[in-house]
Amino acid sequence: KLGASQAPNPYDFGQIVNAVRANKDKAACADLLTITDPKTLPALLSNKLEGEILLIFIQSLEHYVAGKDPGLAYQHLFYLSKAERFKVVLALLSKNEKEEVWQLFDLLSESQSDQYSLEDLDSLRKVYEL
């Protein structure tokens, strides 16, 4: 357990993300995303976004966050797409990795939230080139 209970600064965030990535710890990643204000993601990630990070974020949102709080999952997806290097990372995802992203969008489209409409979801899907 990484024991983050309040929003981390970029350095701590980077450290936690590295630990999460090393351990493929989706539950810890979900905890981190739950306490992180989605709006701060681009600044916290700075220029550190990589395919592996994007993927573990997506998987954590899909398996741990979207079911409980689809609005939060949507917000994270939205702000992830604003992160530096997002387009580059997206272009490098394999077909299987794209499938994971697609599954998360599917899950969100089946959930109701006042944080997003289906139109919002569709336009974000386009940003993710799905």
C-alpha atoms as a PDB file:
ATOM      1  CA  LYS A   1       0.000   0.000   0.000  1.00  0.00           C
ATOM      2  CA  LEU A   2       1.498   3.291  -1.052  1.00  0.00           C
ATOM      3  CA  GLY A   3      -0.350   5.197   1.621  1.00  0.00           C
ATOM      4  CA  ALA A   4      -1.051   8.363  -0.303  1.00  0.00           C
ATOM      5  CA  SER A   5      -3.977  10.071   1.357  1.00  0.00           C
ATOM      6  CA  GLN A   6      -3.748  13.613   0.093  1.00  0.00           C
ATOM      7  CA  ALA A   7      -2.939  15.007  -3.325  1.00  0.00           C
ATOM      8  CA  PRO A   8       0.741  14.523  -4.092  1.00  0.00           C
ATOM      9  CA  ASN A   9       3.167  17.077  -5.514  1.00  0.00           C
ATOM     10  CA  PRO A  10       4.724  16.316  -8.930  1.00  0.00           C
ATOM     11  CA  TYR A  11       7.817  14.700  -7.390  1.00  0.00           C
ATOM     12  CA  ASP A  12       5.827  12.383  -5.104  1.00  0.00           C
ATOM     13  CA  PHE A  13       3.361  11.704  -7.877  1.00  0.00           C
ATOM     14  CA  GLY A  14       6.229  10.636 -10.134  1.00  0.00           C
ATOM     15  CA  GLN A  15       7.632   8.374  -7.411  1.00  0.00           C
ATOM     16  CA  ILE A  16       4.268   6.720  -6.814  1.00  0.00           C
ATOM     17  CA  VAL A  17       3.659   6.278 -10.533  1.00  0.00           C
ATOM     18  CA  ASN A  18       7.069   4.616 -10.898  1.00  0.00           C
ATOM     19  CA  ALA A  19       6.314   2.253  -7.999  1.00  0.00           C
ATOM     20  CA  VAL A  20       2.862   1.490  -9.411  1.00  0.00           C
ATOM     21  CA  ARG A  21       4.361   0.798 -12.806  1.00  0.00           C
ATOM     22  CA  ALA A  22       7.123  -1.418 -11.426  1.00  0.00           C
ATOM     23  CA  ASN A  23       4.607  -3.492  -9.457  1.00  0.00           C
ATOM     24  CA  LYS A  24       1.785  -3.271 -12.003  1.00  0.00           C
ATOM     25  CA  ASP A  25      -0.283  -2.317  -8.958  1.00  0.00           C
ATOM     26  CA  LYS A  26      -3.607  -1.201 -10.390  1.00  0.00           C
ATOM     27  CA  ALA A  27      -5.303  -0.926  -6.993  1.00  0.00           C
ATOM     28  CA  ALA A  28      -2.624   1.470  -5.718  1.00  0.00           C
ATOM     29  CA  CYS A  29      -2.845   3.385  -8.969  1.00  0.00           C
ATOM     30  CA  ALA A  30      -6.618   3.676  -8.527  1.00  0.00           C
ATOM     31  CA  ASP A  31      -6.053   5.020  -4.991  1.00  0.00           C
ATOM     32  CA  LEU A  32      -3.664   7.599  -6.400  1.00  0.00           C
ATOM     33  CA  LEU A  33      -6.122   8.647  -9.116  1.00  0.00           C
ATOM     34  CA  THR A  34      -8.950   8.831  -6.584  1.00  0.00           C
ATOM     35  CA  ILE A  35      -7.139  11.420  -4.459  1.00  0.00           C
ATOM     36  CA  THR A  36      -5.678  13.328  -7.412  1.00  0.00           C
ATOM     37  CA  ASP A  37      -7.684  16.197  -8.835  1.00  0.00           C
ATOM     38  CA  PRO A  38      -8.020  15.312 -12.531  1.00  0.00           C
ATOM     39  CA  LYS A  39      -7.333  18.945 -13.516  1.00  0.00           C
ATOM     40  CA  THR A  40      -3.855  18.644 -12.026  1.00  0.00           C
ATOM     41  CA  LEU A  41      -2.899  15.536 -14.044  1.00  0.00           C
ATOM     42  CA  PRO A  42      -1.202  17.339 -16.949  1.00  0.00           C
ATOM     43  CA  ALA A  43       1.011  19.327 -14.553  1.00  0.00           C
ATOM     44  CA  LEU A  44       1.734  16.308 -12.343  1.00  0.00           C
ATOM     45  CA  LEU A  45       2.671  14.143 -15.304  1.00  0.00           C
ATOM     46  CA  SER A  46       4.690  16.964 -16.842  1.00  0.00           C
ATOM     47  CA  ASN A  47       6.571  15.382 -19.784  1.00  0.00           C
ATOM     48  CA  LYS A  48       6.689  11.939 -18.172  1.00  0.00           C
ATOM     49  CA  LEU A  49       3.693  10.328 -19.863  1.00  0.00           C
ATOM     50  CA  GLU A  50       4.528   6.978 -21.473  1.00  0.00           C
ATOM     51  CA  GLY A  51       2.479   4.190 -22.984  1.00  0.00           C
ATOM     52  CA  GLU A  52       2.955   1.984 -19.961  1.00  0.00           C
ATOM     53  CA  ILE A  53       1.717   4.730 -17.643  1.00  0.00           C
ATOM     54  CA  LEU A  54      -1.245   5.587 -19.827  1.00  0.00           C
ATOM     55  CA  LEU A  55      -2.198   1.930 -19.917  1.00  0.00           C
ATOM     56  CA  ILE A  56      -1.990   1.307 -16.183  1.00  0.00           C
ATOM     57  CA  PHE A  57      -4.054   4.483 -15.621  1.00  0.00           C
ATOM     58  CA  ILE A  58      -6.658   3.211 -18.085  1.00  0.00           C
ATOM     59  CA  GLN A  59      -6.736  -0.259 -16.490  1.00  0.00           C
ATOM     60  CA  SER A  60      -6.985   1.185 -12.989  1.00  0.00           C
ATOM     61  CA  LEU A  61      -9.832   3.468 -14.028  1.00  0.00           C
ATOM     62  CA  GLU A  62     -11.579   0.581 -15.738  1.00  0.00           C
ATOM     63  CA  HIS A  63     -11.249  -1.981 -12.954  1.00  0.00           C
ATOM     64  CA  TYR A  64     -11.433   0.159  -9.829  1.00  0.00           C
ATOM     65  CA  VAL A  65     -12.773   3.640 -10.482  1.00  0.00           C
ATOM     66  CA  ALA A  66     -15.355   3.619 -13.285  1.00  0.00           C
ATOM     67  CA  GLY A  67     -17.766   1.284 -11.486  1.00  0.00           C
ATOM     68  CA  LYS A  68     -17.847   3.421  -8.353  1.00  0.00           C
ATOM     69  CA  ASP A  69     -17.367   6.879  -9.827  1.00  0.00           C
ATOM     70  CA  PRO A  70     -17.762   7.071 -13.607  1.00  0.00           C
ATOM     71  CA  GLY A  71     -17.621  10.875 -13.444  1.00  0.00           C
ATOM     72  CA  LEU A  72     -14.160  10.795 -11.910  1.00  0.00           C
ATOM     73  CA  ALA A  73     -12.990   8.231 -14.476  1.00  0.00           C
ATOM     74  CA  TYR A  74     -14.266  10.474 -17.269  1.00  0.00           C
ATOM     75  CA  GLN A  75     -12.522  13.533 -15.822  1.00  0.00           C
ATOM     76  CA  HIS A  76      -9.241  11.647 -15.613  1.00  0.00           C
ATOM     77  CA  LEU A  77      -9.573  10.468 -19.217  1.00  0.00           C
ATOM     78  CA  PHE A  78     -10.341  14.018 -20.276  1.00  0.00           C
ATOM     79  CA  TYR A  79      -7.353  15.579 -18.518  1.00  0.00           C
ATOM     80  CA  LEU A  80      -5.012  12.729 -19.471  1.00  0.00           C
ATOM     81  CA  SER A  81      -5.655  13.743 -23.067  1.00  0.00           C
ATOM     82  CA  LYS A  82      -4.334  17.236 -22.228  1.00  0.00           C
ATOM     83  CA  ALA A  83      -1.030  15.893 -20.917  1.00  0.00           C
ATOM     84  CA  GLU A  84       2.206  16.599 -22.721  1.00  0.00           C
ATOM     85  CA  ARG A  85       3.203  13.750 -25.081  1.00  0.00           C
ATOM     86  CA  PHE A  86      -0.370  12.362 -25.099  1.00  0.00           C
ATOM     87  CA  LYS A  87      -0.561  12.307 -28.910  1.00  0.00           C
ATOM     88  CA  VAL A  88       2.842  10.639 -29.192  1.00  0.00           C
ATOM     89  CA  VAL A  89       1.983   7.988 -26.618  1.00  0.00           C
ATOM     90  CA  LEU A  90      -1.403   7.354 -28.203  1.00  0.00           C
ATOM     91  CA  ALA A  91       0.198   6.811 -31.608  1.00  0.00           C
ATOM     92  CA  LEU A  92       2.418   4.090 -30.137  1.00  0.00           C
ATOM     93  CA  LEU A  93      -0.362   2.026 -28.535  1.00  0.00           C
ATOM     94  CA  SER A  94      -0.855  -1.432 -30.021  1.00  0.00           C
ATOM     95  CA  LYS A  95      -4.209  -2.702 -31.239  1.00  0.00           C
ATOM     96  CA  ASN A  96      -4.671  -4.677 -27.991  1.00  0.00           C
ATOM     97  CA  GLU A  97      -3.850  -1.644 -25.875  1.00  0.00           C
ATOM     98  CA  LYS A  98      -6.353   0.407 -27.846  1.00  0.00           C
ATOM     99  CA  GLU A  99      -8.920  -2.285 -27.018  1.00  0.00           C
ATOM    100  CA  GLU A 100      -8.390  -1.606 -23.305  1.00  0.00           C
ATOM    101  CA  VAL A 101      -9.102   2.071 -23.822  1.00  0.00           C
ATOM    102  CA  TRP A 102     -12.188   1.170 -25.856  1.00  0.00           C
ATOM    103  CA  GLN A 103     -13.453  -1.052 -23.009  1.00  0.00           C
ATOM    104  CA  LEU A 104     -13.187   1.804 -20.537  1.00  0.00           C
ATOM    105  CA  PHE A 105     -15.162   4.086 -22.850  1.00  0.00           C
ATOM    106  CA  ASP A 106     -17.767   1.339 -23.238  1.00  0.00           C
ATOM    107  CA  LEU A 107     -18.056   1.001 -19.494  1.00  0.00           C
ATOM    108  CA  LEU A 108     -18.518   4.761 -19.146  1.00  0.00           C
ATOM    109  CA  SER A 109     -21.138   4.863 -21.879  1.00  0.00           C
ATOM    110  CA  GLU A 110     -23.176   2.308 -19.932  1.00  0.00           C
ATOM    111  CA  SER A 111     -22.911   4.336 -16.723  1.00  0.00           C
ATOM    112  CA  GLN A 112     -24.898   7.398 -15.814  1.00  0.00           C
ATOM    113  CA  SER A 113     -23.108  10.461 -14.510  1.00  0.00           C
ATOM    114  CA  ASP A 114     -23.881  14.146 -14.297  1.00  0.00           C
ATOM    115  CA  GLN A 115     -20.190  14.747 -15.095  1.00  0.00           C
ATOM    116  CA  TYR A 116     -20.561  13.892 -18.769  1.00  0.00           C
ATOM    117  CA  SER A 117     -23.089  13.263 -21.522  1.00  0.00           C
ATOM    118  CA  LEU A 118     -22.828  10.627 -24.235  1.00  0.00           C
ATOM    119  CA  GLU A 119     -21.873  13.464 -26.616  1.00  0.00           C
ATOM    120  CA  ASP A 120     -18.975  14.378 -24.308  1.00  0.00           C
ATOM    121  CA  LEU A 121     -17.932  10.759 -24.317  1.00  0.00           C
ATOM    122  CA  ASP A 122     -18.089  10.546 -28.104  1.00  0.00           C
ATOM    123  CA  SER A 123     -15.984  13.628 -28.604  1.00  0.00           C
ATOM    124  CA  LEU A 124     -13.422  12.347 -26.090  1.00  0.00           C
ATOM    125  CA  ARG A 125     -13.428   8.985 -27.886  1.00  0.00           C
ATOM    126  CA  LYS A 126     -12.341  10.877 -31.016  1.00  0.00           C
ATOM    127  CA  VAL A 127      -9.505  12.510 -29.079  1.00  0.00           C
ATOM    128  CA  TYR A 128      -8.371   8.997 -28.156  1.00  0.00           C
ATOM    129  CA  GLU A 129      -8.658   8.122 -31.855  1.00  0.00           C
ATOM    130  CA  LEU A 130     -11.105   5.283 -31.230  1.00  0.00           C
END
